[in-house]
Amino acid sequence: MRILLKLVIDCDADAAWRALHSPRAIAELDGPFVTLRSLEHLPPSWSPGDDATVDLSLGPLPLGGS
């Protein structure tokens, strides 16, 4: 079985690409359910090889392990 979902976004391809590489945009997409808190400085845009330590939580419950 194959299920396809088509999503049309009212923006140009460059704006969508910038949003996919933006830590702030990703944090806004995760909310209001998941909270993303940076444990170090986040770059304004992700580049290949970039790493950042973040803390994810679902309300009062932390996600992931440490």
PDB file of N, CA and C in Angstrom:
ATOM      1  N   MET A   1       0.843  -1.159   0.000  1.00  0.00           N
ATOM      2  CA  MET A   1       0.000   0.000   0.000  1.00  0.00           C
ATOM      3  C   MET A   1       0.895   1.230   0.000  1.00  0.00           C
ATOM      4  N   ARG A   2       0.532   2.201  -0.766  1.00  0.00           N
ATOM      5  CA  ARG A   2       1.274   3.457  -0.829  1.00  0.00           C
ATOM      6  C   ARG A   2       0.302   4.591  -0.530  1.00  0.00           C
ATOM      7  N   ILE A   3       0.689   5.428   0.421  1.00  0.00           N
ATOM      8  CA  ILE A   3      -0.109   6.603   0.768  1.00  0.00           C
ATOM      9  C   ILE A   3       0.761   7.825   0.508  1.00  0.00           C
ATOM     10  N   LEU A   4       0.281   8.736  -0.286  1.00  0.00           N
ATOM     11  CA  LEU A   4       1.024   9.937  -0.619  1.00  0.00           C
ATOM     12  C   LEU A   4       0.312  11.155  -0.046  1.00  0.00           C
ATOM     13  N   LEU A   5       1.092  12.088   0.428  1.00  0.00           N
ATOM     14  CA  LEU A   5       0.558  13.337   0.944  1.00  0.00           C
ATOM     15  C   LEU A   5       1.167  14.463   0.131  1.00  0.00           C
ATOM     16  N   LYS A   6       0.332  15.276  -0.436  1.00  0.00           N
ATOM     17  CA  LYS A   6       0.819  16.403  -1.217  1.00  0.00           C
ATOM     18  C   LYS A   6       0.575  17.667  -0.414  1.00  0.00           C
ATOM     19  N   LEU A   7       1.631  18.423  -0.207  1.00  0.00           N
ATOM     20  CA  LEU A   7       1.557  19.661   0.559  1.00  0.00           C
ATOM     21  C   LEU A   7       2.019  20.794  -0.347  1.00  0.00           C
ATOM     22  N   VAL A   8       1.183  21.779  -0.521  1.00  0.00           N
ATOM     23  CA  VAL A   8       1.534  22.936  -1.332  1.00  0.00           C
ATOM     24  C   VAL A   8       1.776  24.108  -0.390  1.00  0.00           C
ATOM     25  N   ILE A   9       2.975  24.681  -0.471  1.00  0.00           N
ATOM     26  CA  ILE A   9       3.349  25.800   0.386  1.00  0.00           C
ATOM     27  C   ILE A   9       3.403  27.052  -0.480  1.00  0.00           C
ATOM     28  N   ASP A  10       2.793  28.118  -0.004  1.00  0.00           N
ATOM     29  CA  ASP A  10       2.729  29.364  -0.751  1.00  0.00           C
ATOM     30  C   ASP A  10       4.008  30.182  -0.534  1.00  0.00           C
ATOM     31  N   CYS A  11       5.122  29.695  -1.108  1.00  0.00           N
ATOM     32  CA  CYS A  11       6.388  30.427  -1.074  1.00  0.00           C
ATOM     33  C   CYS A  11       7.258  29.902  -2.204  1.00  0.00           C
ATOM     34  N   ASP A  12       8.304  30.642  -2.517  1.00  0.00           N
ATOM     35  CA  ASP A  12       9.178  30.177  -3.580  1.00  0.00           C
ATOM     36  C   ASP A  12      10.148  29.121  -3.043  1.00  0.00           C
ATOM     37  N   ALA A  13      10.812  28.432  -3.945  1.00  0.00           N
ATOM     38  CA  ALA A  13      11.690  27.329  -3.563  1.00  0.00           C
ATOM     39  C   ALA A  13      12.862  27.801  -2.707  1.00  0.00           C
ATOM     40  N   ASP A  14      13.412  28.977  -2.980  1.00  0.00           N
ATOM     41  CA  ASP A  14      14.534  29.489  -2.191  1.00  0.00           C
ATOM     42  C   ASP A  14      14.129  29.762  -0.745  1.00  0.00           C
ATOM     43  N   ALA A  15      12.947  30.302  -0.536  1.00  0.00           N
ATOM     44  CA  ALA A  15      12.471  30.565   0.831  1.00  0.00           C
ATOM     45  C   ALA A  15      12.253  29.262   1.581  1.00  0.00           C
ATOM     46  N   ALA A  16      11.705  28.249   0.914  1.00  0.00           N
ATOM     47  CA  ALA A  16      11.508  26.945   1.554  1.00  0.00           C
ATOM     48  C   ALA A  16      12.857  26.322   1.916  1.00  0.00           C
ATOM     49  N   TRP A  17      13.845  26.425   1.037  1.00  0.00           N
ATOM     50  CA  TRP A  17      15.177  25.876   1.294  1.00  0.00           C
ATOM     51  C   TRP A  17      15.821  26.559   2.496  1.00  0.00           C
ATOM     52  N   ARG A  18      15.713  27.894   2.563  1.00  0.00           N
ATOM     53  CA  ARG A  18      16.266  28.632   3.704  1.00  0.00           C
ATOM     54  C   ARG A  18      15.580  28.210   5.005  1.00  0.00           C
ATOM     55  N   ALA A  19      14.272  28.002   4.968  1.00  0.00           N
ATOM     56  CA  ALA A  19      13.543  27.588   6.174  1.00  0.00           C
ATOM     57  C   ALA A  19      13.981  26.205   6.640  1.00  0.00           C
ATOM     58  N   LEU A  20      14.242  25.298   5.715  1.00  0.00           N
ATOM     59  CA  LEU A  20      14.690  23.951   6.089  1.00  0.00           C
ATOM     60  C   LEU A  20      16.066  23.955   6.731  1.00  0.00           C
ATOM     61  N   HIS A  21      16.861  24.982   6.459  1.00  0.00           N
ATOM     62  CA  HIS A  21      18.206  25.071   7.006  1.00  0.00           C
ATOM     63  C   HIS A  21      18.300  26.042   8.173  1.00  0.00           C
ATOM     64  N   SER A  22      17.173  26.512   8.670  1.00  0.00           N
ATOM     65  CA  SER A  22      17.153  27.484   9.757  1.00  0.00           C
ATOM     66  C   SER A  22      16.769  26.810  11.074  1.00  0.00           C
ATOM     67  N   PRO A  23      17.634  26.853  12.088  1.00  0.00           N
ATOM     68  CA  PRO A  23      17.274  26.273  13.389  1.00  0.00           C
ATOM     69  C   PRO A  23      16.014  26.913  13.983  1.00  0.00           C
ATOM     70  N   ARG A  24      15.843  28.208  13.806  1.00  0.00           N
ATOM     71  CA  ARG A  24      14.659  28.893  14.342  1.00  0.00           C
ATOM     72  C   ARG A  24      13.375  28.381  13.670  1.00  0.00           C
ATOM     73  N   ALA A  25      13.399  28.177  12.357  1.00  0.00           N
ATOM     74  CA  ALA A  25      12.224  27.672  11.651  1.00  0.00           C
ATOM     75  C   ALA A  25      11.885  26.257  12.096  1.00  0.00           C
ATOM     76  N   ILE A  26      12.893  25.425  12.284  1.00  0.00           N
ATOM     77  CA  ILE A  26      12.658  24.053  12.742  1.00  0.00           C
ATOM     78  C   ILE A  26      12.048  24.070  14.150  1.00  0.00           C
ATOM     79  N   ALA A  27      12.543  24.930  15.017  1.00  0.00           N
ATOM     80  CA  ALA A  27      11.993  25.031  16.371  1.00  0.00           C
ATOM     81  C   ALA A  27      10.535  25.480  16.331  1.00  0.00           C
ATOM     82  N   GLU A  28      10.196  26.386  15.413  1.00  0.00           N
ATOM     83  CA  GLU A  28       8.813  26.844  15.299  1.00  0.00           C
ATOM     84  C   GLU A  28       7.909  25.749  14.746  1.00  0.00           C
ATOM     85  N   LEU A  29       8.426  24.911  13.843  1.00  0.00           N
ATOM     86  CA  LEU A  29       7.631  23.807  13.313  1.00  0.00           C
ATOM     87  C   LEU A  29       7.339  22.762  14.385  1.00  0.00           C
ATOM     88  N   ASP A  30       8.297  22.512  15.273  1.00  0.00           N
ATOM     89  CA  ASP A  30       8.116  21.526  16.335  1.00  0.00           C
ATOM     90  C   ASP A  30       7.112  21.990  17.386  1.00  0.00           C
ATOM     91  N   GLY A  31       7.074  23.275  17.660  1.00  0.00           N
ATOM     92  CA  GLY A  31       6.167  23.804  18.672  1.00  0.00           C
ATOM     93  C   GLY A  31       4.756  23.775  18.160  1.00  0.00           C
ATOM     94  N   PRO A  32       3.787  23.779  18.972  1.00  0.00           N
ATOM     95  CA  PRO A  32       3.795  23.990  20.412  1.00  0.00           C
ATOM     96  C   PRO A  32       3.969  22.699  21.219  1.00  0.00           C
ATOM     97  N   PHE A  33       4.126  21.580  20.555  1.00  0.00           N
ATOM     98  CA  PHE A  33       4.197  20.307  21.269  1.00  0.00           C
ATOM     99  C   PHE A  33       5.584  20.007  21.811  1.00  0.00           C
ATOM    100  N   VAL A  34       6.592  20.231  20.986  1.00  0.00           N
ATOM    101  CA  VAL A  34       7.961  19.929  21.378  1.00  0.00           C
ATOM    102  C   VAL A  34       8.720  21.243  21.555  1.00  0.00           C
ATOM    103  N   THR A  35       9.430  21.364  22.656  1.00  0.00           N
ATOM    104  CA  THR A  35      10.222  22.548  22.930  1.00  0.00           C
ATOM    105  C   THR A  35      11.680  22.241  22.638  1.00  0.00           C
ATOM    106  N   LEU A  36      12.306  23.067  21.812  1.00  0.00           N
ATOM    107  CA  LEU A  36      13.705  22.921  21.479  1.00  0.00           C
ATOM    108  C   LEU A  36      14.457  24.049  22.170  1.00  0.00           C
ATOM    109  N   ARG A  37      15.406  23.689  23.034  1.00  0.00           N
ATOM    110  CA  ARG A  37      16.203  24.683  23.757  1.00  0.00           C
ATOM    111  C   ARG A  37      17.655  24.421  23.425  1.00  0.00           C
ATOM    112  N   SER A  38      18.343  25.454  22.992  1.00  0.00           N
ATOM    113  CA  SER A  38      19.740  25.328  22.615  1.00  0.00           C
ATOM    114  C   SER A  38      20.624  25.275  23.850  1.00  0.00           C
ATOM    115  N   LEU A  39      21.574  24.354  23.866  1.00  0.00           N
ATOM    116  CA  LEU A  39      22.547  24.266  24.946  1.00  0.00           C
ATOM    117  C   LEU A  39      23.843  24.970  24.565  1.00  0.00           C
ATOM    118  N   GLU A  40      23.896  25.460  23.348  1.00  0.00           N
ATOM    119  CA  GLU A  40      25.042  26.230  22.857  1.00  0.00           C
ATOM    120  C   GLU A  40      24.518  27.171  21.781  1.00  0.00           C
ATOM    121  N   HIS A  41      25.386  28.006  21.264  1.00  0.00           N
ATOM    122  CA  HIS A  41      24.977  28.975  20.240  1.00  0.00           C
ATOM    123  C   HIS A  41      24.563  28.243  18.969  1.00  0.00           C
ATOM    124  N   LEU A  42      23.362  28.541  18.469  1.00  0.00           N
ATOM    125  CA  LEU A  42      22.911  27.974  17.204  1.00  0.00           C
ATOM    126  C   LEU A  42      23.293  28.908  16.059  1.00  0.00           C
ATOM    127  N   PRO A  43      23.744  28.351  14.947  1.00  0.00           N
ATOM    128  CA  PRO A  43      24.056  29.209  13.805  1.00  0.00           C
ATOM    129  C   PRO A  43      22.765  29.748  13.190  1.00  0.00           C
ATOM    130  N   PRO A  44      22.823  30.868  12.483  1.00  0.00           N
ATOM    131  CA  PRO A  44      21.616  31.374  11.840  1.00  0.00           C
ATOM    132  C   PRO A  44      21.125  30.454  10.725  1.00  0.00           C
ATOM    133  N   SER A  45      22.037  29.661  10.155  1.00  0.00           N
ATOM    134  CA  SER A  45      21.679  28.723   9.098  1.00  0.00           C
ATOM    135  C   SER A  45      22.584  27.501   9.212  1.00  0.00           C
ATOM    136  N   TRP A  46      21.998  26.299   9.014  1.00  0.00           N
ATOM    137  CA  TRP A  46      22.794  25.073   9.049  1.00  0.00           C
ATOM    138  C   TRP A  46      23.624  24.961   7.788  1.00  0.00           C
ATOM    139  N   SER A  47      24.845  24.509   7.935  1.00  0.00           N
ATOM    140  CA  SER A  47      25.725  24.186   6.817  1.00  0.00           C
ATOM    141  C   SER A  47      26.105  22.718   6.950  1.00  0.00           C
ATOM    142  N   PRO A  48      26.530  22.078   5.862  1.00  0.00           N
ATOM    143  CA  PRO A  48      26.938  20.677   5.964  1.00  0.00           C
ATOM    144  C   PRO A  48      28.012  20.499   7.040  1.00  0.00           C
ATOM    145  N   GLY A  49      27.803  19.531   7.912  1.00  0.00           N
ATOM    146  CA  GLY A  49      28.762  19.233   8.970  1.00  0.00           C
ATOM    147  C   GLY A  49      28.535  19.983  10.269  1.00  0.00           C
ATOM    148  N   ASP A  50      27.591  20.923  10.303  1.00  0.00           N
ATOM    149  CA  ASP A  50      27.309  21.662  11.538  1.00  0.00           C
ATOM    150  C   ASP A  50      26.671  20.746  12.580  1.00  0.00           C
ATOM    151  N   ASP A  51      27.079  20.915  13.814  1.00  0.00           N
ATOM    152  CA  ASP A  51      26.493  20.203  14.946  1.00  0.00           C
ATOM    153  C   ASP A  51      26.073  21.229  15.990  1.00  0.00           C
ATOM    154  N   ALA A  52      25.036  20.903  16.725  1.00  0.00           N
ATOM    155  CA  ALA A  52      24.602  21.754  17.833  1.00  0.00           C
ATOM    156  C   ALA A  52      23.939  20.866  18.868  1.00  0.00           C
ATOM    157  N   THR A  53      24.189  21.151  20.121  1.00  0.00           N
ATOM    158  CA  THR A  53      23.580  20.401  21.204  1.00  0.00           C
ATOM    159  C   THR A  53      22.297  21.107  21.629  1.00  0.00           C
ATOM    160  N   VAL A  54      21.196  20.365  21.599  1.00  0.00           N
ATOM    161  CA  VAL A  54      19.907  20.933  21.979  1.00  0.00           C
ATOM    162  C   VAL A  54      19.221  20.017  22.980  1.00  0.00           C
ATOM    163  N   ASP A  55      18.307  20.580  23.711  1.00  0.00           N
ATOM    164  CA  ASP A  55      17.487  19.852  24.675  1.00  0.00           C
ATOM    165  C   ASP A  55      16.063  19.874  24.149  1.00  0.00           C
ATOM    166  N   LEU A  56      15.472  18.696  23.927  1.00  0.00           N
ATOM    167  CA  LEU A  56      14.094  18.597  23.457  1.00  0.00           C
ATOM    168  C   LEU A  56      13.211  18.124  24.598  1.00  0.00           C
ATOM    169  N   SER A  57      12.036  18.730  24.705  1.00  0.00           N
ATOM    170  CA  SER A  57      11.090  18.270  25.726  1.00  0.00           C
ATOM    171  C   SER A  57       9.689  18.344  25.183  1.00  0.00           C
ATOM    172  N   LEU A  58       8.855  17.485  25.702  1.00  0.00           N
ATOM    173  CA  LEU A  58       7.431  17.431  25.367  1.00  0.00           C
ATOM    174  C   LEU A  58       6.698  17.885  26.609  1.00  0.00           C
ATOM    175  N   GLY A  59       6.446  19.193  26.689  1.00  0.00           N
ATOM    176  CA  GLY A  59       5.916  19.754  27.933  1.00  0.00           C
ATOM    177  C   GLY A  59       6.950  19.574  29.021  1.00  0.00           C
ATOM    178  N   PRO A  60       6.579  18.970  30.153  1.00  0.00           N
ATOM    179  CA  PRO A  60       7.541  18.772  31.237  1.00  0.00           C
ATOM    180  C   PRO A  60       8.414  17.514  31.052  1.00  0.00           C
ATOM    181  N   LEU A  61       8.153  16.716  30.026  1.00  0.00           N
ATOM    182  CA  LEU A  61       8.874  15.454  29.829  1.00  0.00           C
ATOM    183  C   LEU A  61      10.047  15.635  28.860  1.00  0.00           C
ATOM    184  N   PRO A  62      11.272  15.346  29.294  1.00  0.00           N
ATOM    185  CA  PRO A  62      12.413  15.434  28.376  1.00  0.00           C
ATOM    186  C   PRO A  62      12.351  14.321  27.341  1.00  0.00           C
ATOM    187  N   LEU A  63      12.796  14.607  26.123  1.00  0.00           N
ATOM    188  CA  LEU A  63      12.865  13.619  25.061  1.00  0.00           C
ATOM    189  C   LEU A  63      14.314  13.258  24.828  1.00  0.00           C
ATOM    190  N   GLY A  64      14.590  12.027  24.495  1.00  0.00           N
ATOM    191  CA  GLY A  64      15.969  11.591  24.285  1.00  0.00           C
ATOM    192  C   GLY A  64      16.583  11.179  25.601  1.00  0.00           C
ATOM    193  N   GLY A  65      17.827  10.853  25.566  1.00  0.00           N
ATOM    194  CA  GLY A  65      18.499  10.419  26.789  1.00  0.00           C
ATOM    195  C   GLY A  65      19.783  11.160  27.000  1.00  0.00           C
ATOM    196  N   SER A  66      20.103  11.330  28.253  1.00  0.00           N
ATOM    197  CA  SER A  66      21.417  11.889  28.587  1.00  0.00           C
ATOM    198  C   SER A  66      21.775  11.482  29.982  1.00  0.00           C
TER     199      SER A  66
END
